[in-house]
Amino acid sequence: MSVLKVFDDTRGFGRCRSCDAPIVWFELVSGKRHPFNGPDLPVYLQTEHEPSTHRLIGHVDSAESHFATCPDADTFRRRRP
């Protein structure tokens, strides 16, 4: 199982531009924004606090990512050179 680490205080709600499904946006610890299936919040497998700022970090199963279920995920995924 792959885990994505998200900052809990960065959530935002929206809809997928492609399939119109409800999504929840979070900022990953890496600084990138990432969509998860909504409208409910993803379940945290584990939590921790960032040492310097004490922000809550949630560990989310990557299977909850909207990229795992959206039929057009490849058109939105950014490719690395």
N, C-alpha and C. Protein backbone atom coordinates (compact mmCIF):
# COMPACT_ATOMS: atom_id res chain seq x y z
N MET A 1 0.84 -1.18 0.00
CA MET A 1 0.00 0.00 0.00
C MET A 1 0.89 1.24 0.00
N SER A 2 0.56 2.16 -0.87
CA SER A 2 1.28 3.42 -0.97
C SER A 2 0.52 4.47 -0.15
N VAL A 3 1.26 5.32 0.54
CA VAL A 3 0.66 6.32 1.42
C VAL A 3 1.06 7.72 0.96
N LEU A 4 0.09 8.63 0.96
CA LEU A 4 0.35 10.04 0.66
C LEU A 4 0.21 10.83 1.96
N LYS A 5 1.14 11.75 2.21
CA LYS A 5 1.10 12.56 3.43
C LYS A 5 0.55 13.93 3.07
N VAL A 6 -0.53 14.33 3.77
CA VAL A 6 -1.21 15.60 3.49
C VAL A 6 -1.24 16.48 4.73
N PHE A 7 -1.23 17.80 4.51
CA PHE A 7 -1.43 18.74 5.61
C PHE A 7 -2.93 18.86 5.84
N ASP A 8 -3.36 18.59 7.06
CA ASP A 8 -4.79 18.58 7.38
C ASP A 8 -5.45 19.95 7.22
N ASP A 9 -4.70 21.03 7.41
CA ASP A 9 -5.29 22.37 7.38
C ASP A 9 -5.37 22.96 5.97
N THR A 10 -5.17 22.15 4.94
CA THR A 10 -5.19 22.68 3.57
C THR A 10 -6.36 22.16 2.74
N ARG A 11 -7.33 21.50 3.35
CA ARG A 11 -8.40 20.90 2.56
C ARG A 11 -9.30 21.94 1.91
N GLY A 12 -9.79 21.57 0.75
CA GLY A 12 -10.73 22.40 0.02
C GLY A 12 -11.61 21.49 -0.82
N PHE A 13 -12.82 21.91 -1.07
CA PHE A 13 -13.79 21.08 -1.78
C PHE A 13 -14.02 21.60 -3.19
N GLY A 14 -14.31 20.70 -4.12
CA GLY A 14 -14.56 21.10 -5.49
C GLY A 14 -15.15 19.95 -6.28
N ARG A 15 -15.10 20.08 -7.59
CA ARG A 15 -15.58 19.04 -8.49
C ARG A 15 -14.52 18.82 -9.57
N CYS A 16 -14.42 17.60 -10.04
CA CYS A 16 -13.47 17.26 -11.09
C CYS A 16 -13.90 17.93 -12.39
N ARG A 17 -12.97 18.57 -13.08
CA ARG A 17 -13.28 19.24 -14.34
C ARG A 17 -13.65 18.25 -15.44
N SER A 18 -13.27 17.02 -15.29
CA SER A 18 -13.51 16.03 -16.32
C SER A 18 -14.78 15.21 -16.08
N CYS A 19 -14.85 14.52 -14.94
CA CYS A 19 -15.97 13.61 -14.69
C CYS A 19 -17.03 14.20 -13.76
N ASP A 20 -16.81 15.41 -13.25
CA ASP A 20 -17.74 16.15 -12.40
C ASP A 20 -17.98 15.50 -11.04
N ALA A 21 -17.13 14.58 -10.64
CA ALA A 21 -17.26 13.94 -9.32
C ALA A 21 -16.82 14.91 -8.23
N PRO A 22 -17.41 14.82 -7.03
CA PRO A 22 -16.94 15.66 -5.93
C PRO A 22 -15.54 15.23 -5.50
N ILE A 23 -14.69 16.21 -5.24
CA ILE A 23 -13.32 15.92 -4.80
C ILE A 23 -12.96 16.81 -3.61
N VAL A 24 -11.97 16.36 -2.87
CA VAL A 24 -11.41 17.11 -1.75
C VAL A 24 -9.93 17.32 -2.08
N TRP A 25 -9.52 18.59 -2.09
CA TRP A 25 -8.13 18.92 -2.38
C TRP A 25 -7.34 19.03 -1.09
N PHE A 26 -6.11 18.53 -1.11
CA PHE A 26 -5.18 18.69 -0.01
C PHE A 26 -3.82 19.07 -0.57
N GLU A 27 -3.02 19.74 0.25
CA GLU A 27 -1.63 19.98 -0.10
C GLU A 27 -0.82 18.82 0.47
N LEU A 28 -0.04 18.20 -0.39
CA LEU A 28 0.86 17.14 0.07
C LEU A 28 2.04 17.77 0.80
N VAL A 29 2.72 17.00 1.62
CA VAL A 29 3.90 17.49 2.32
C VAL A 29 4.95 17.98 1.32
N SER A 30 4.94 17.41 0.12
CA SER A 30 5.88 17.83 -0.93
C SER A 30 5.57 19.22 -1.48
N GLY A 31 4.39 19.76 -1.16
CA GLY A 31 4.01 21.09 -1.63
C GLY A 31 3.04 21.08 -2.79
N LYS A 32 2.79 19.92 -3.39
CA LYS A 32 1.85 19.82 -4.51
C LYS A 32 0.43 19.66 -4.00
N ARG A 33 -0.54 20.16 -4.79
CA ARG A 33 -1.96 19.97 -4.48
C ARG A 33 -2.40 18.64 -5.08
N HIS A 34 -3.28 17.92 -4.38
CA HIS A 34 -3.69 16.60 -4.84
C HIS A 34 -5.17 16.37 -4.56
N PRO A 35 -5.92 15.81 -5.55
CA PRO A 35 -7.35 15.55 -5.36
C PRO A 35 -7.61 14.16 -4.79
N PHE A 36 -8.56 14.09 -3.87
CA PHE A 36 -9.03 12.82 -3.31
C PHE A 36 -10.52 12.71 -3.55
N ASN A 37 -11.02 11.49 -3.61
CA ASN A 37 -12.45 11.28 -3.83
C ASN A 37 -13.24 11.88 -2.67
N GLY A 38 -14.30 12.58 -2.98
CA GLY A 38 -15.17 13.20 -2.00
C GLY A 38 -16.56 12.64 -2.12
N PRO A 39 -17.54 13.22 -1.50
CA PRO A 39 -17.47 14.48 -0.75
C PRO A 39 -16.94 14.32 0.67
N ASP A 40 -16.82 13.08 1.15
CA ASP A 40 -16.30 12.86 2.50
C ASP A 40 -14.78 13.00 2.51
N LEU A 41 -14.25 13.34 3.65
CA LEU A 41 -12.80 13.47 3.80
C LEU A 41 -12.17 12.08 3.79
N PRO A 42 -10.96 11.97 3.29
CA PRO A 42 -10.28 10.67 3.33
C PRO A 42 -9.99 10.26 4.77
N VAL A 43 -9.89 8.98 5.00
CA VAL A 43 -9.60 8.44 6.33
C VAL A 43 -8.09 8.43 6.53
N TYR A 44 -7.65 8.99 7.64
CA TYR A 44 -6.23 8.99 7.96
C TYR A 44 -5.85 7.64 8.56
N LEU A 45 -4.82 7.01 8.00
CA LEU A 45 -4.33 5.75 8.53
C LEU A 45 -3.48 6.00 9.78
N GLN A 46 -2.87 7.18 9.81
CA GLN A 46 -1.99 7.58 10.90
C GLN A 46 -1.87 9.09 10.84
N THR A 47 -1.54 9.72 11.95
CA THR A 47 -1.29 11.16 11.96
C THR A 47 0.02 11.43 12.68
N GLU A 48 0.57 12.59 12.37
CA GLU A 48 1.78 13.06 13.04
C GLU A 48 1.77 14.58 12.97
N HIS A 49 2.64 15.20 13.73
CA HIS A 49 2.78 16.66 13.67
C HIS A 49 4.13 17.00 13.08
N GLU A 50 4.12 18.01 12.20
CA GLU A 50 5.38 18.50 11.64
C GLU A 50 6.18 19.14 12.78
N PRO A 51 7.43 18.76 12.96
CA PRO A 51 8.22 19.23 14.11
C PRO A 51 8.34 20.75 14.23
N SER A 52 8.58 21.44 13.11
CA SER A 52 8.85 22.89 13.20
C SER A 52 7.59 23.73 13.38
N THR A 53 6.48 23.33 12.75
CA THR A 53 5.27 24.16 12.81
C THR A 53 4.13 23.51 13.58
N HIS A 54 4.26 22.26 13.92
CA HIS A 54 3.25 21.48 14.64
C HIS A 54 1.96 21.31 13.84
N ARG A 55 2.03 21.47 12.51
CA ARG A 55 0.85 21.24 11.66
C ARG A 55 0.55 19.74 11.64
N LEU A 56 -0.74 19.41 11.62
CA LEU A 56 -1.15 18.01 11.58
C LEU A 56 -0.96 17.45 10.18
N ILE A 57 -0.30 16.31 10.08
CA ILE A 57 -0.09 15.60 8.82
C ILE A 57 -0.86 14.30 8.88
N GLY A 58 -1.70 14.07 7.87
CA GLY A 58 -2.44 12.83 7.79
C GLY A 58 -1.85 11.92 6.73
N HIS A 59 -1.80 10.64 7.03
CA HIS A 59 -1.31 9.64 6.08
C HIS A 59 -2.55 9.01 5.44
N VAL A 60 -2.66 9.12 4.11
CA VAL A 60 -3.84 8.68 3.38
C VAL A 60 -3.44 7.58 2.39
N ASP A 61 -4.23 6.52 2.32
CA ASP A 61 -4.00 5.45 1.35
C ASP A 61 -4.13 6.04 -0.05
N SER A 62 -3.16 5.80 -0.91
CA SER A 62 -3.20 6.38 -2.26
C SER A 62 -4.39 5.87 -3.07
N ALA A 63 -5.03 4.79 -2.65
CA ALA A 63 -6.22 4.29 -3.34
C ALA A 63 -7.38 5.28 -3.23
N GLU A 64 -7.33 6.21 -2.26
CA GLU A 64 -8.37 7.22 -2.12
C GLU A 64 -8.14 8.42 -3.03
N SER A 65 -7.03 8.44 -3.74
CA SER A 65 -6.73 9.51 -4.67
C SER A 65 -7.75 9.51 -5.81
N HIS A 66 -8.16 10.68 -6.26
CA HIS A 66 -9.10 10.74 -7.37
C HIS A 66 -8.45 10.25 -8.66
N PHE A 67 -7.13 10.31 -8.74
CA PHE A 67 -6.43 9.79 -9.91
C PHE A 67 -6.64 8.28 -10.07
N ALA A 68 -6.94 7.59 -8.99
CA ALA A 68 -7.16 6.14 -9.04
C ALA A 68 -8.52 5.77 -9.64
N THR A 69 -9.48 6.72 -9.66
CA THR A 69 -10.83 6.40 -10.11
C THR A 69 -11.33 7.24 -11.28
N CYS A 70 -10.73 8.37 -11.54
CA CYS A 70 -11.20 9.25 -12.62
C CYS A 70 -10.88 8.63 -13.98
N PRO A 71 -11.86 8.56 -14.87
CA PRO A 71 -11.60 7.98 -16.19
C PRO A 71 -10.63 8.81 -17.04
N ASP A 72 -10.46 10.08 -16.73
CA ASP A 72 -9.57 10.95 -17.50
C ASP A 72 -8.36 11.41 -16.69
N ALA A 73 -7.93 10.63 -15.72
CA ALA A 73 -6.84 11.03 -14.84
C ALA A 73 -5.56 11.35 -15.60
N ASP A 74 -5.28 10.61 -16.67
CA ASP A 74 -4.04 10.83 -17.41
C ASP A 74 -3.95 12.22 -18.05
N THR A 75 -5.08 12.85 -18.36
CA THR A 75 -5.04 14.18 -18.96
C THR A 75 -4.68 15.26 -17.93
N PHE A 76 -4.84 14.97 -16.65
CA PHE A 76 -4.55 15.96 -15.63
C PHE A 76 -3.23 15.70 -14.89
N ARG A 77 -2.74 14.51 -14.96
CA ARG A 77 -1.51 14.15 -14.28
C ARG A 77 -0.34 14.84 -14.96
N ARG A 78 0.50 15.47 -14.19
CA ARG A 78 1.66 16.16 -14.75
C ARG A 78 2.77 15.15 -14.97
N ARG A 79 3.37 15.23 -16.13
CA ARG A 79 4.46 14.32 -16.48
C ARG A 79 5.80 14.93 -16.10
N ARG A 80 6.67 14.11 -15.61
CA ARG A 80 8.03 14.58 -15.31
C ARG A 80 8.88 14.43 -16.56
N PRO A 81 9.71 15.40 -16.85
CA PRO A 81 10.56 15.33 -18.05
C PRO A 81 11.59 14.21 -17.97
